[in-house]
PDB file of all heavy atoms in Angstrom:
ATOM      1  N   SER A   1      99.517  54.381 216.547  1.00  0.00           N
ATOM      2  CA  SER A   1      99.093  55.110 217.737  1.00  0.00           C
ATOM      3  C   SER A   1      98.332  56.343 217.295  1.00  0.00           C
ATOM      4  O   SER A   1      98.303  56.686 216.106  1.00  0.00           O
ATOM      5  CB  SER A   1     100.311  55.515 218.562  1.00  0.00           C
ATOM      6  OG  SER A   1     101.087  56.440 217.824  1.00  0.00           O
ATOM      7  N   GLY A   2      97.738  57.043 218.212  1.00  0.00           N
ATOM      8  CA  GLY A   2      97.011  58.252 217.867  1.00  0.00           C
ATOM      9  C   GLY A   2      95.517  58.007 217.776  1.00  0.00           C
ATOM     10  O   GLY A   2      95.075  56.873 217.569  1.00  0.00           O
ATOM     11  N   ARG A   3      94.745  59.077 217.889  1.00  0.00           N
ATOM     12  CA  ARG A   3      93.297  58.939 217.960  1.00  0.00           C
ATOM     13  C   ARG A   3      92.590  59.054 216.622  1.00  0.00           C
ATOM     14  O   ARG A   3      91.405  58.794 216.535  1.00  0.00           O
ATOM     15  CB  ARG A   3      92.749  60.016 218.911  1.00  0.00           C
ATOM     16  CG  ARG A   3      93.171  59.814 220.361  1.00  0.00           C
ATOM     17  CD  ARG A   3      92.629  60.924 221.231  1.00  0.00           C
ATOM     18  NE  ARG A   3      93.266  62.210 220.919  1.00  0.00           N
ATOM     19  CZ  ARG A   3      92.924  63.348 221.493  1.00  0.00           C
ATOM     20  NH1 ARG A   3      91.951  63.385 222.391  1.00  0.00           N
ATOM     21  NH2 ARG A   3      93.545  64.463 221.180  1.00  0.00           N
ATOM     22  N   THR A   4      93.329  59.437 215.571  1.00  0.00           N
ATOM     23  CA  THR A   4      92.658  59.731 214.305  1.00  0.00           C
ATOM     24  C   THR A   4      93.119  58.805 213.191  1.00  0.00           C
ATOM     25  O   THR A   4      93.223  59.209 212.044  1.00  0.00           O
ATOM     26  CB  THR A   4      92.923  61.194 213.911  1.00  0.00           C
ATOM     27  OG1 THR A   4      94.339  61.404 213.814  1.00  0.00           O
ATOM     28  CG2 THR A   4      92.315  62.133 214.922  1.00  0.00           C
ATOM     29  N   PHE A   5      93.352  57.549 213.521  1.00  0.00           N
ATOM     30  CA  PHE A   5      93.843  56.595 212.517  1.00  0.00           C
ATOM     31  C   PHE A   5      92.947  56.549 211.296  1.00  0.00           C
ATOM     32  O   PHE A   5      93.423  56.436 210.173  1.00  0.00           O
ATOM     33  CB  PHE A   5      93.935  55.212 213.160  1.00  0.00           C
ATOM     34  CG  PHE A   5      94.354  54.127 212.214  1.00  0.00           C
ATOM     35  CD1 PHE A   5      95.665  54.032 211.777  1.00  0.00           C
ATOM     36  CD2 PHE A   5      93.432  53.196 211.740  1.00  0.00           C
ATOM     37  CE1 PHE A   5      96.060  53.037 210.899  1.00  0.00           C
ATOM     38  CE2 PHE A   5      93.810  52.192 210.865  1.00  0.00           C
ATOM     39  CZ  PHE A   5      95.138  52.113 210.446  1.00  0.00           C
ATOM     40  N   SER A   6      91.649  56.646 211.500  1.00  0.00           N
ATOM     41  CA  SER A   6      90.710  56.525 210.393  1.00  0.00           C
ATOM     42  C   SER A   6      90.767  57.698 209.424  1.00  0.00           C
ATOM     43  O   SER A   6      90.110  57.667 208.376  1.00  0.00           O
ATOM     44  CB  SER A   6      89.282  56.366 210.923  1.00  0.00           C
ATOM     45  OG  SER A   6      88.937  57.483 211.717  1.00  0.00           O
ATOM     46  N   SER A   7      91.528  58.731 209.732  1.00  0.00           N
ATOM     47  CA  SER A   7      91.666  59.866 208.815  1.00  0.00           C
ATOM     48  C   SER A   7      92.941  59.784 207.979  1.00  0.00           C
ATOM     49  O   SER A   7      93.253  60.713 207.237  1.00  0.00           O
ATOM     50  CB  SER A   7      91.660  61.184 209.592  1.00  0.00           C
ATOM     51  OG  SER A   7      92.822  61.300 210.396  1.00  0.00           O
ATOM     52  N   TYR A   8      93.637  58.653 208.080  1.00  0.00           N
ATOM     53  CA  TYR A   8      94.899  58.483 207.363  1.00  0.00           C
ATOM     54  C   TYR A   8      94.779  57.446 206.258  1.00  0.00           C
ATOM     55  O   TYR A   8      94.258  56.342 206.466  1.00  0.00           O
ATOM     56  CB  TYR A   8      96.014  58.045 208.317  1.00  0.00           C
ATOM     57  CG  TYR A   8      96.493  59.146 209.225  1.00  0.00           C
ATOM     58  CD1 TYR A   8      95.816  59.440 210.396  1.00  0.00           C
ATOM     59  CD2 TYR A   8      97.611  59.904 208.893  1.00  0.00           C
ATOM     60  CE1 TYR A   8      96.235  60.464 211.231  1.00  0.00           C
ATOM     61  CE2 TYR A   8      98.042  60.927 209.730  1.00  0.00           C
ATOM     62  CZ  TYR A   8      97.352  61.199 210.890  1.00  0.00           C
ATOM     63  OH  TYR A   8      97.780  62.211 211.708  1.00  0.00           O
ATOM     64  N   THR A   9      95.275  57.799 205.101  1.00  0.00           N
ATOM     65  CA  THR A   9      95.540  56.816 204.058  1.00  0.00           C
ATOM     66  C   THR A   9      96.800  56.057 204.448  1.00  0.00           C
ATOM     67  O   THR A   9      97.776  56.658 204.909  1.00  0.00           O
ATOM     68  CB  THR A   9      95.737  57.516 202.703  1.00  0.00           C
ATOM     69  OG1 THR A   9      94.465  57.994 202.246  1.00  0.00           O
ATOM     70  CG2 THR A   9      96.318  56.577 201.665  1.00  0.00           C
ATOM     71  N   MET A  10      96.771  54.749 204.269  1.00  0.00           N
ATOM     72  CA  MET A  10      97.889  53.908 204.688  1.00  0.00           C
ATOM     73  C   MET A  10      98.527  53.220 203.481  1.00  0.00           C
ATOM     74  O   MET A  10      97.838  52.879 202.511  1.00  0.00           O
ATOM     75  CB  MET A  10      97.404  52.845 205.676  1.00  0.00           C
ATOM     76  CG  MET A  10      96.744  53.407 206.929  1.00  0.00           C
ATOM     77  SD  MET A  10      97.840  54.447 207.907  1.00  0.00           S
ATOM     78  CE  MET A  10      99.082  53.236 208.409  1.00  0.00           C
ATOM     79  N   GLY A  11      99.819  53.001 203.584  1.00  0.00           N
ATOM     80  CA  GLY A  11     100.520  52.340 202.494  1.00  0.00           C
ATOM     81  C   GLY A  11     101.582  51.385 202.998  1.00  0.00           C
ATOM     82  O   GLY A  11     102.008  51.471 204.154  1.00  0.00           O
ATOM     83  N   TRP A  12     101.953  50.450 202.135  1.00  0.00           N
ATOM     84  CA  TRP A  12     103.095  49.574 202.373  1.00  0.00           C
ATOM     85  C   TRP A  12     104.109  49.805 201.258  1.00  0.00           C
ATOM     86  O   TRP A  12     103.750  49.875 200.079  1.00  0.00           O
ATOM     87  CB  TRP A  12     102.676  48.108 202.378  1.00  0.00           C
ATOM     88  CG  TRP A  12     101.962  47.661 203.614  1.00  0.00           C
ATOM     89  CD1 TRP A  12     100.612  47.565 203.797  1.00  0.00           C
ATOM     90  CD2 TRP A  12     102.561  47.235 204.838  1.00  0.00           C
ATOM     91  NE1 TRP A  12     100.336  47.108 205.063  1.00  0.00           N
ATOM     92  CE2 TRP A  12     101.520  46.887 205.721  1.00  0.00           C
ATOM     93  CE3 TRP A  12     103.874  47.085 205.279  1.00  0.00           C
ATOM     94  CZ2 TRP A  12     101.749  46.425 207.014  1.00  0.00           C
ATOM     95  CZ3 TRP A  12     104.106  46.626 206.565  1.00  0.00           C
ATOM     96  CH2 TRP A  12     103.041  46.294 207.419  1.00  0.00           C
ATOM     97  N   PHE A  13     105.361  49.891 201.664  1.00  0.00           N
ATOM     98  CA  PHE A  13     106.473  50.016 200.738  1.00  0.00           C
ATOM     99  C   PHE A  13     107.513  48.970 201.086  1.00  0.00           C
ATOM    100  O   PHE A  13     107.473  48.390 202.170  1.00  0.00           O
ATOM    101  CB  PHE A  13     107.097  51.416 200.831  1.00  0.00           C
ATOM    102  CG  PHE A  13     106.214  52.510 200.302  1.00  0.00           C
ATOM    103  CD1 PHE A  13     105.142  52.990 201.041  1.00  0.00           C
ATOM    104  CD2 PHE A  13     106.442  53.056 199.044  1.00  0.00           C
ATOM    105  CE1 PHE A  13     104.311  53.986 200.547  1.00  0.00           C
ATOM    106  CE2 PHE A  13     105.624  54.056 198.538  1.00  0.00           C
ATOM    107  CZ  PHE A  13     104.562  54.521 199.304  1.00  0.00           C
ATOM    108  N   ARG A  14     108.441  48.733 200.179  1.00  0.00           N
ATOM    109  CA  ARG A  14     109.521  47.800 200.473  1.00  0.00           C
ATOM    110  C   ARG A  14     110.819  48.286 199.854  1.00  0.00           C
ATOM    111  O   ARG A  14     110.814  49.034 198.878  1.00  0.00           O
ATOM    112  CB  ARG A  14     109.188  46.387 199.982  1.00  0.00           C
ATOM    113  CG  ARG A  14     109.091  46.252 198.475  1.00  0.00           C
ATOM    114  CD  ARG A  14     108.588  44.851 198.116  1.00  0.00           C
ATOM    115  NE  ARG A  14     108.523  44.663 196.663  1.00  0.00           N
ATOM    116  CZ  ARG A  14     108.001  43.585 196.086  1.00  0.00           C
ATOM    117  NH1 ARG A  14     107.489  42.594 196.832  1.00  0.00           N
ATOM    118  NH2 ARG A  14     107.994  43.467 194.772  1.00  0.00           N
ATOM    119  N   GLN A  15     111.906  47.828 200.459  1.00  0.00           N
ATOM    120  CA  GLN A  15     113.220  48.200 199.951  1.00  0.00           C
ATOM    121  C   GLN A  15     114.163  47.019 200.081  1.00  0.00           C
ATOM    122  O   GLN A  15     114.407  46.521 201.187  1.00  0.00           O
ATOM    123  CB  GLN A  15     113.783  49.409 200.705  1.00  0.00           C
ATOM    124  CG  GLN A  15     115.065  49.948 200.113  1.00  0.00           C
ATOM    125  CD  GLN A  15     115.441  51.307 200.676  1.00  0.00           C
ATOM    126  OE1 GLN A  15     114.970  51.719 201.739  1.00  0.00           O
ATOM    127  NE2 GLN A  15     116.296  52.027 199.962  1.00  0.00           N
ATOM    128  N   ALA A  16     114.660  46.584 198.941  1.00  0.00           N
ATOM    129  CA  ALA A  16     115.643  45.506 198.908  1.00  0.00           C
ATOM    130  C   ALA A  16     117.045  46.106 198.952  1.00  0.00           C
ATOM    131  O   ALA A  16     117.235  47.263 198.568  1.00  0.00           O
ATOM    132  CB  ALA A  16     115.457  44.672 197.646  1.00  0.00           C
ATOM    133  N   PRO A  17     118.032  45.346 199.393  1.00  0.00           N
ATOM    134  CA  PRO A  17     119.401  45.867 199.464  1.00  0.00           C
ATOM    135  C   PRO A  17     119.873  46.384 198.107  1.00  0.00           C
ATOM    136  O   PRO A  17     119.722  45.712 197.080  1.00  0.00           O
ATOM    137  CB  PRO A  17     120.218  44.657 199.903  1.00  0.00           C
ATOM    138  CG  PRO A  17     119.254  43.805 200.640  1.00  0.00           C
ATOM    139  CD  PRO A  17     117.938  43.980 199.933  1.00  0.00           C
ATOM    140  N   GLY A  18     120.406  47.589 198.108  1.00  0.00           N
ATOM    141  CA  GLY A  18     120.934  48.176 196.888  1.00  0.00           C
ATOM    142  C   GLY A  18     119.887  48.714 195.939  1.00  0.00           C
ATOM    143  O   GLY A  18     120.225  49.161 194.833  1.00  0.00           O
ATOM    144  N   LYS A  19     118.626  48.689 196.364  1.00  0.00           N
ATOM    145  CA  LYS A  19     117.555  49.188 195.499  1.00  0.00           C
ATOM    146  C   LYS A  19     116.808  50.318 196.181  1.00  0.00           C
ATOM    147  O   LYS A  19     116.873  50.491 197.397  1.00  0.00           O
ATOM    148  CB  LYS A  19     116.591  48.046 195.147  1.00  0.00           C
ATOM    149  CG  LYS A  19     117.210  46.954 194.304  1.00  0.00           C
ATOM    150  CD  LYS A  19     116.158  45.981 193.824  1.00  0.00           C
ATOM    151  CE  LYS A  19     116.746  44.931 192.893  1.00  0.00           C
ATOM    152  NZ  LYS A  19     115.703  43.993 192.390  1.00  0.00           N
ATOM    153  N   GLU A  20     116.069  51.066 195.377  1.00  0.00           N
ATOM    154  CA  GLU A  20     115.275  52.149 195.919  1.00  0.00           C
ATOM    155  C   GLU A  20     113.997  51.599 196.570  1.00  0.00           C
ATOM    156  O   GLU A  20     113.519  50.515 196.213  1.00  0.00           O
ATOM    157  CB  GLU A  20     114.904  53.135 194.813  1.00  0.00           C
ATOM    158  CG  GLU A  20     116.096  53.922 194.278  1.00  0.00           C
ATOM    159  CD  GLU A  20     115.652  55.011 193.312  1.00  0.00           C
ATOM    160  OE1 GLU A  20     114.470  55.059 192.965  1.00  0.00           O
ATOM    161  OE2 GLU A  20     116.521  55.804 192.909  1.00  0.00           O
ATOM    162  N   ARG A  21     113.458  52.363 197.504  1.00  0.00           N
ATOM    163  CA  ARG A  21     112.189  51.984 198.115  1.00  0.00           C
ATOM    164  C   ARG A  21     111.107  51.995 197.045  1.00  0.00           C
ATOM    165  O   ARG A  21     111.038  52.920 196.237  1.00  0.00           O
ATOM    166  CB  ARG A  21     111.852  52.952 199.238  1.00  0.00           C
ATOM    167  CG  ARG A  21     110.639  52.574 200.054  1.00  0.00           C
ATOM    168  CD  ARG A  21     110.514  53.461 201.269  1.00  0.00           C
ATOM    169  NE  ARG A  21     111.639  53.299 202.189  1.00  0.00           N
ATOM    170  CZ  ARG A  21     111.699  53.871 203.383  1.00  0.00           C
ATOM    171  NH1 ARG A  21     110.701  54.637 203.812  1.00  0.00           N
ATOM    172  NH2 ARG A  21     112.749  53.688 204.154  1.00  0.00           N
ATOM    173  N   GLU A  22     110.268  50.977 197.050  1.00  0.00           N
ATOM    174  CA  GLU A  22     109.219  50.898 196.044  1.00  0.00           C
ATOM    175  C   GLU A  22     107.858  50.684 196.687  1.00  0.00           C
ATOM    176  O   GLU A  22     107.722  50.073 197.752  1.00  0.00           O
ATOM    177  CB  GLU A  22     109.495  49.776 195.036  1.00  0.00           C
ATOM    178  CG  GLU A  22     109.452  48.375 195.601  1.00  0.00           C
ATOM    179  CD  GLU A  22     109.552  47.312 194.512  1.00  0.00           C
ATOM    180  OE1 GLU A  22     109.598  47.646 193.313  1.00  0.00           O
ATOM    181  OE2 GLU A  22     109.571  46.120 194.884  1.00  0.00           O
ATOM    182  N   PHE A  23     106.852  51.175 196.003  1.00  0.00           N
ATOM    183  CA  PHE A  23     105.469  51.061 196.449  1.00  0.00           C
ATOM    184  C   PHE A  23     105.000  49.621 196.335  1.00  0.00           C
ATOM    185  O   PHE A  23     105.321  48.920 195.378  1.00  0.00           O
ATOM    186  CB  PHE A  23     104.596  51.974 195.585  1.00  0.00           C
ATOM    187  CG  PHE A  23     103.125  51.765 195.768  1.00  0.00           C
ATOM    188  CD1 PHE A  23     102.474  52.265 196.876  1.00  0.00           C
ATOM    189  CD2 PHE A  23     102.391  51.071 194.814  1.00  0.00           C
ATOM    190  CE1 PHE A  23     101.113  52.080 197.046  1.00  0.00           C
ATOM    191  CE2 PHE A  23     101.023  50.876 194.964  1.00  0.00           C
ATOM    192  CZ  PHE A  23     100.390  51.398 196.083  1.00  0.00           C
ATOM    193  N   VAL A  24     104.211  49.194 197.328  1.00  0.00           N
ATOM    194  CA  VAL A  24     103.607  47.865 197.308  1.00  0.00           C
ATOM    195  C   VAL A  24     102.083  47.956 197.234  1.00  0.00           C
ATOM    196  O   VAL A  24     101.468  47.406 196.327  1.00  0.00           O
ATOM    197  CB  VAL A  24     104.026  47.054 198.554  1.00  0.00           C
ATOM    198  CG1 VAL A  24     103.306  45.696 198.565  1.00  0.00           C
ATOM    199  CG2 VAL A  24     105.533  46.863 198.599  1.00  0.00           C
ATOM    200  N   ALA A  25     101.485  48.654 198.198  1.00  0.00           N
ATOM    201  CA  ALA A  25     100.025  48.731 198.244  1.00  0.00           C
ATOM    202  C   ALA A  25      99.599  49.923 199.084  1.00  0.00           C
ATOM    203  O   ALA A  25     100.359  50.402 199.929  1.00  0.00           O
ATOM    204  CB  ALA A  25      99.444  47.448 198.828  1.00  0.00           C
ATOM    205  N   ALA A  26      98.388  50.395 198.843  1.00  0.00           N
ATOM    206  CA  ALA A  26      97.825  51.492 199.617  1.00  0.00           C
ATOM    207  C   ALA A  26      96.335  51.258 199.810  1.00  0.00           C
ATOM    208  O   ALA A  26      95.697  50.539 199.023  1.00  0.00           O
ATOM    209  CB  ALA A  26      98.076  52.834 198.941  1.00  0.00           C
ATOM    210  N   ILE A  27      95.784  51.891 200.839  1.00  0.00           N
ATOM    211  CA  ILE A  27      94.366  51.719 201.155  1.00  0.00           C
ATOM    212  C   ILE A  27      93.811  53.035 201.675  1.00  0.00           C
ATOM    213  O   ILE A  27      94.487  53.763 202.401  1.00  0.00           O
ATOM    214  CB  ILE A  27      94.194  50.574 202.180  1.00  0.00           C
ATOM    215  CG1 ILE A  27      92.734  50.176 202.336  1.00  0.00           C
ATOM    216  CG2 ILE A  27      94.832  50.925 203.521  1.00  0.00           C
ATOM    217  CD1 ILE A  27      92.554  48.844 203.057  1.00  0.00           C
ATOM    218  N   ASN A  28      92.569  53.346 201.289  1.00  0.00           N
ATOM    219  CA  ASN A  28      91.994  54.633 201.671  1.00  0.00           C
ATOM    220  C   ASN A  28      91.435  54.580 203.098  1.00  0.00           C
ATOM    221  O   ASN A  28      91.569  53.589 203.812  1.00  0.00           O
ATOM    222  CB  ASN A  28      90.937  55.056 200.666  1.00  0.00           C
ATOM    223  CG  ASN A  28      89.603  54.348 200.892  1.00  0.00           C
ATOM    224  OD1 ASN A  28      89.582  53.155 201.209  1.00  0.00           O
ATOM    225  ND2 ASN A  28      88.512  55.078 200.753  1.00  0.00           N
ATOM    226  N   LEU A  29      90.774  55.645 203.483  1.00  0.00           N
ATOM    227  CA  LEU A  29      90.325  55.814 204.866  1.00  0.00           C
ATOM    228  C   LEU A  29      89.476  54.660 205.373  1.00  0.00           C
ATOM    229  O   LEU A  29      89.662  54.174 206.486  1.00  0.00           O
ATOM    230  CB  LEU A  29      89.519  57.113 204.998  1.00  0.00           C
ATOM    231  CG  LEU A  29      90.149  58.390 204.483  1.00  0.00           C
ATOM    232  CD1 LEU A  29      89.197  59.559 204.716  1.00  0.00           C
ATOM    233  CD2 LEU A  29      91.474  58.626 205.163  1.00  0.00           C
ATOM    234  N   SER A  30      88.537  54.243 204.559  1.00  0.00           N
ATOM    235  CA  SER A  30      87.572  53.241 205.009  1.00  0.00           C
ATOM    236  C   SER A  30      87.998  51.820 204.679  1.00  0.00           C
ATOM    237  O   SER A  30      87.437  50.867 205.216  1.00  0.00           O
ATOM    238  CB  SER A  30      86.212  53.507 204.360  1.00  0.00           C
ATOM    239  OG  SER A  30      86.278  53.229 202.972  1.00  0.00           O
ATOM    240  N   GLY A  31      88.949  51.687 203.771  1.00  0.00           N
ATOM    241  CA  GLY A  31      89.346  50.367 203.300  1.00  0.00           C
ATOM    242  C   GLY A  31      88.639  49.952 202.036  1.00  0.00           C
ATOM    243  O   GLY A  31      88.873  48.869 201.513  1.00  0.00           O
ATOM    244  N   GLY A  32      87.774  50.820 201.530  1.00  0.00           N
ATOM    245  CA  GLY A  32      87.023  50.475 200.341  1.00  0.00           C
ATOM    246  C   GLY A  32      87.763  50.671 199.036  1.00  0.00           C
ATOM    247  O   GLY A  32      87.326  50.190 197.988  1.00  0.00           O
ATOM    248  N   ILE A  33      88.868  51.378 199.067  1.00  0.00           N
ATOM    249  CA  ILE A  33      89.666  51.627 197.866  1.00  0.00           C
ATOM    250  C   ILE A  33      91.091  51.167 198.129  1.00  0.00           C
ATOM    251  O   ILE A  33      91.707  51.557 199.119  1.00  0.00           O
ATOM    252  CB  ILE A  33      89.661  53.127 197.503  1.00  0.00           C
ATOM    253  CG1 ILE A  33      88.231  53.594 197.226  1.00  0.00           C
ATOM    254  CG2 ILE A  33      90.549  53.386 196.286  1.00  0.00           C
ATOM    255  CD1 ILE A  33      88.097  55.089 197.055  1.00  0.00           C
ATOM    256  N   THR A  34      91.595  50.334 197.248  1.00  0.00           N
ATOM    257  CA  THR A  34      92.960  49.827 197.384  1.00  0.00           C
ATOM    258  C   THR A  34      93.718  50.035 196.081  1.00  0.00           C
ATOM    259  O   THR A  34      93.130  50.159 195.001  1.00  0.00           O
ATOM    260  CB  THR A  34      92.972  48.336 197.753  1.00  0.00           C
ATOM    261  OG1 THR A  34      92.229  47.598 196.773  1.00  0.00           O
ATOM    262  CG2 THR A  34      92.360  48.106 199.119  1.00  0.00           C
ATOM    263  N   LEU A  35      95.034  50.055 196.211  1.00  0.00           N
ATOM    264  CA  LEU A  35      95.925  50.287 195.081  1.00  0.00           C
ATOM    265  C   LEU A  35      97.104  49.332 195.258  1.00  0.00           C
ATOM    266  O   LEU A  35      97.617  49.186 196.377  1.00  0.00           O
ATOM    267  CB  LEU A  35      96.393  51.732 195.103  1.00  0.00           C
ATOM    268  CG  LEU A  35      97.155  52.308 193.925  1.00  0.00           C
ATOM    269  CD1 LEU A  35      96.292  52.303 192.674  1.00  0.00           C
ATOM    270  CD2 LEU A  35      97.601  53.729 194.251  1.00  0.00           C
ATOM    271  N   TYR A  36      97.534  48.694 194.157  1.00  0.00           N
ATOM    272  CA  TYR A  36      98.624  47.730 194.243  1.00  0.00           C
ATOM    273  C   TYR A  36      99.660  47.973 193.151  1.00  0.00           C
ATOM    274  O   TYR A  36      99.332  48.408 192.046  1.00  0.00           O
ATOM    275  CB  TYR A  36      98.102  46.298 194.071  1.00  0.00           C
ATOM    276  CG  TYR A  36      97.204  45.839 195.191  1.00  0.00           C
ATOM    277  CD1 TYR A  36      95.819  45.938 195.097  1.00  0.00           C
ATOM    278  CD2 TYR A  36      97.743  45.304 196.357  1.00  0.00           C
ATOM    279  CE1 TYR A  36      94.995  45.525 196.130  1.00  0.00           C
ATOM    280  CE2 TYR A  36      96.925  44.873 197.397  1.00  0.00           C
ATOM    281  CZ  TYR A  36      95.553  44.992 197.268  1.00  0.00           C
ATOM    282  OH  TYR A  36      94.738  44.573 198.294  1.00  0.00           O
ATOM    283  N   ALA A  37     100.889  47.649 193.470  1.00  0.00           N
ATOM    284  CA  ALA A  37     101.914  47.593 192.444  1.00  0.00           C
ATOM    285  C   ALA A  37     101.627  46.397 191.544  1.00  0.00           C
ATOM    286  O   ALA A  37     101.113  45.366 192.004  1.00  0.00           O
ATOM    287  CB  ALA A  37     103.294  47.435 193.087  1.00  0.00           C
ATOM    288  N   ASP A  38     101.956  46.527 190.275  1.00  0.00           N
ATOM    289  CA  ASP A  38     101.698  45.434 189.335  1.00  0.00           C
ATOM    290  C   ASP A  38     102.401  44.145 189.765  1.00  0.00           C
ATOM    291  O   ASP A  38     101.897  43.048 189.544  1.00  0.00           O
ATOM    292  CB  ASP A  38     102.163  45.829 187.940  1.00  0.00           C
ATOM    293  CG  ASP A  38     101.257  46.863 187.302  1.00  0.00           C
ATOM    294  OD1 ASP A  38     100.120  47.050 187.782  1.00  0.00           O
ATOM    295  OD2 ASP A  38     101.679  47.493 186.314  1.00  0.00           O
TER     296      ASP A  38
END
C-alpha cells in the first residue's frame, strides 16, 4: 500500500522453525539490480 512504492528497496526473507530469519533476495527501486542468497 502507499503512494511511493517505487522509492522502496524490497526484499524477501524466510524463517524456518527453530532457525533465525535469513535473507533470500532483494531488488532495487527500478528492478534493475537484484541480490540473492547463495
